[in-house]
C-alpha atoms as a PDB file:
ATOM      1  CA  MET A   1      21.626  16.882  -9.484  1.00  0.00           C
ATOM      2  CA  GLU A   2      21.676  16.062  -5.767  1.00  0.00           C
ATOM      3  CA  PRO A   3      22.252  12.388  -4.880  1.00  0.00           C
ATOM      4  CA  PHE A   4      19.102  12.247  -2.737  1.00  0.00           C
ATOM      5  CA  ARG A   5      16.141  14.165  -1.394  1.00  0.00           C
ATOM      6  CA  SER A   6      14.209  13.416   1.771  1.00  0.00           C
ATOM      7  CA  GLU A   7      10.947  14.636   3.217  1.00  0.00           C
ATOM      8  CA  ILE A   8       8.595  13.886   6.070  1.00  0.00           C
ATOM      9  CA  ARG A   9       5.307  12.430   4.865  1.00  0.00           C
ATOM     10  CA  ASN A  10       2.070  11.622   6.654  1.00  0.00           C
ATOM     11  CA  THR A  11       0.543   8.218   6.051  1.00  0.00           C
ATOM     12  CA  PRO A  12      -2.739   6.910   7.484  1.00  0.00           C
ATOM     13  CA  SER A  13      -0.848   4.917  10.123  1.00  0.00           C
ATOM     14  CA  ALA A  14       2.212   7.053  10.934  1.00  0.00           C
ATOM     15  CA  GLN A  15       4.622   9.709   9.785  1.00  0.00           C
ATOM     16  CA  THR A  16       7.435   8.431   7.595  1.00  0.00           C
ATOM     17  CA  ILE A  17      10.604   9.785   6.092  1.00  0.00           C
ATOM     18  CA  GLN A  18      10.626   9.351   2.323  1.00  0.00           C
ATOM     19  CA  ILE A  19      14.007   9.218   0.612  1.00  0.00           C
ATOM     20  CA  TYR A  20      14.227   9.687  -3.146  1.00  0.00           C
ATOM     21  CA  LEU A  21      17.562   8.697  -4.679  1.00  0.00           C
ATOM     22  CA  SER A  22      18.908  10.078  -7.944  1.00  0.00           C
ATOM     23  CA  ASP A  23      20.339   6.639  -8.687  1.00  0.00           C
ATOM     24  CA  GLU A  24      17.695   4.031  -7.910  1.00  0.00           C
ATOM     25  CA  SER A  25      20.237   1.243  -8.304  1.00  0.00           C
ATOM     26  CA  LEU A  26      21.487   2.298  -4.845  1.00  0.00           C
ATOM     27  CA  ASP A  27      18.161   1.635  -3.113  1.00  0.00           C
ATOM     28  CA  MET A  28      19.279  -1.598  -1.451  1.00  0.00           C
ATOM     29  CA  LYS A  29      22.713  -0.222  -0.476  1.00  0.00           C
ATOM     30  CA  ILE A  30      21.143   2.812   1.176  1.00  0.00           C
ATOM     31  CA  LYS A  31      18.496   0.634   2.834  1.00  0.00           C
ATOM     32  CA  HIS A  32      21.251  -1.518   4.292  1.00  0.00           C
ATOM     33  CA  HIS A  33      23.180   1.590   5.414  1.00  0.00           C
ATOM     34  CA  LEU A  34      20.128   2.989   7.233  1.00  0.00           C
ATOM     35  CA  GLU A  35      19.292  -0.301   8.948  1.00  0.00           C
ATOM     36  CA  SER A  36      22.158   0.417  11.370  1.00  0.00           C
ATOM     37  CA  PHE A  37      20.075   3.161  13.058  1.00  0.00           C
ATOM     38  CA  ASN A  38      18.493   1.832  16.268  1.00  0.00           C
ATOM     39  CA  GLU A  39      15.658   4.373  16.003  1.00  0.00           C
ATOM     40  CA  ILE A  40      14.404   2.927  12.703  1.00  0.00           C
ATOM     41  CA  ASP A  41      11.709   0.266  12.936  1.00  0.00           C
ATOM     42  CA  SER A  42      11.633  -0.717   9.255  1.00  0.00           C
ATOM     43  CA  ILE A  43      12.485   0.466   5.747  1.00  0.00           C
ATOM     44  CA  GLU A  44      10.557  -0.386   2.598  1.00  0.00           C
ATOM     45  CA  VAL A  45      11.406   0.189  -1.051  1.00  0.00           C
ATOM     46  CA  ARG A  46       8.218   1.421  -2.694  1.00  0.00           C
ATOM     47  CA  GLU A  47       7.175   2.374  -6.180  1.00  0.00           C
ATOM     48  CA  THR A  48       6.316   6.051  -6.511  1.00  0.00           C
ATOM     49  CA  VAL A  49       3.389   7.127  -8.646  1.00  0.00           C
ATOM     50  CA  ALA A  50       3.539  10.913  -8.105  1.00  0.00           C
ATOM     51  CA  GLN A  51       4.712  13.236 -10.856  1.00  0.00           C
ATOM     52  CA  ASN A  52       8.185  14.789 -10.740  1.00  0.00           C
ATOM     53  CA  ARG A  53       9.490  12.089  -8.435  1.00  0.00           C
ATOM     54  CA  SER A  54      11.711   9.068  -8.770  1.00  0.00           C
ATOM     55  CA  ASN A  55      10.132   5.781  -9.760  1.00  0.00           C
ATOM     56  CA  GLU A  56      11.026   4.380  -6.336  1.00  0.00           C
ATOM     57  CA  SER A  57      11.545   5.686  -2.861  1.00  0.00           C
ATOM     58  CA  LEU A  58      12.605   4.400   0.520  1.00  0.00           C
ATOM     59  CA  SER A  59       9.959   4.679   3.226  1.00  0.00           C
ATOM     60  CA  VAL A  60      11.547   4.881   6.667  1.00  0.00           C
ATOM     61  CA  PHE A  61       9.334   3.964   9.627  1.00  0.00           C
ATOM     62  CA  LEU A  62      10.543   5.010  13.073  1.00  0.00           C
ATOM     63  CA  LYS A  63      10.064   3.316  16.415  1.00  0.00           C
ATOM     64  CA  ASP A  64       7.531   4.816  18.824  1.00  0.00           C
ATOM     65  CA  GLY A  65       8.589   7.954  20.654  1.00  0.00           C
ATOM     66  CA  ILE A  66      11.326   8.998  18.197  1.00  0.00           C
ATOM     67  CA  ASP A  67      11.396  12.685  17.157  1.00  0.00           C
ATOM     68  CA  ILE A  68      10.901  12.547  13.376  1.00  0.00           C
ATOM     69  CA  ASN A  69      12.486  15.960  12.754  1.00  0.00           C
ATOM     70  CA  LYS A  70      15.680  15.070  14.621  1.00  0.00           C
ATOM     71  CA  MET A  71      15.800  11.683  12.915  1.00  0.00           C
ATOM     72  CA  LYS A  72      15.376  13.221   9.457  1.00  0.00           C
ATOM     73  CA  ALA A  73      18.291  15.574  10.191  1.00  0.00           C
ATOM     74  CA  CYS A  74      20.383  12.617  11.386  1.00  0.00           C
ATOM     75  CA  ILE A  75      19.537  10.539   8.295  1.00  0.00           C
ATOM     76  CA  ASP A  76      20.265  13.476   5.967  1.00  0.00           C
ATOM     77  CA  SER A  77      23.638  14.023   7.622  1.00  0.00           C
ATOM     78  CA  SER A  78      24.495  10.339   7.377  1.00  0.00           C
ATOM     79  CA  LEU A  79      23.506  10.181   3.703  1.00  0.00           C
ATOM     80  CA  TRP A  80      25.571  13.264   2.844  1.00  0.00           C
ATOM     81  CA  TRP A  81      28.530  11.593   4.542  1.00  0.00           C
ATOM     82  CA  TYR A  82      27.787   8.328   2.691  1.00  0.00           C
ATOM     83  CA  PHE A  83      27.727  10.001  -0.722  1.00  0.00           C
ATOM     84  CA  GLU A  84      30.816  12.109  -0.023  1.00  0.00           C
ATOM     85  CA  GLU A  85      32.758   8.999   1.004  1.00  0.00           C
ATOM     86  CA  ASP A  86      31.428   7.127  -2.024  1.00  0.00           C
ATOM     87  CA  LEU A  87      32.579   9.893  -4.368  1.00  0.00           C
ATOM     88  CA  VAL A  88      36.059   9.815  -2.849  1.00  0.00           C
ATOM     89  CA  ASP A  89      36.484   6.038  -3.274  1.00  0.00           C
END
């Protein structure tokens, strides 16, 4: 099983990047890791009610004018690096 999955979602107010972690106990660690990105406005841990999904997800809200596709690719790359480093330790 992959350590995470991310997708771009549309909300009534803005597009967000949803991150679903295989291990929900890492939600706060990953939230803290992502807070270092200047392009991110805020991150919320939310309960997920959809089928076939984790019980929780991270909702990443970007600052105005940020390309969501480029930011998703950047976040995905950073998370792959994070989990690879974590597995080595």
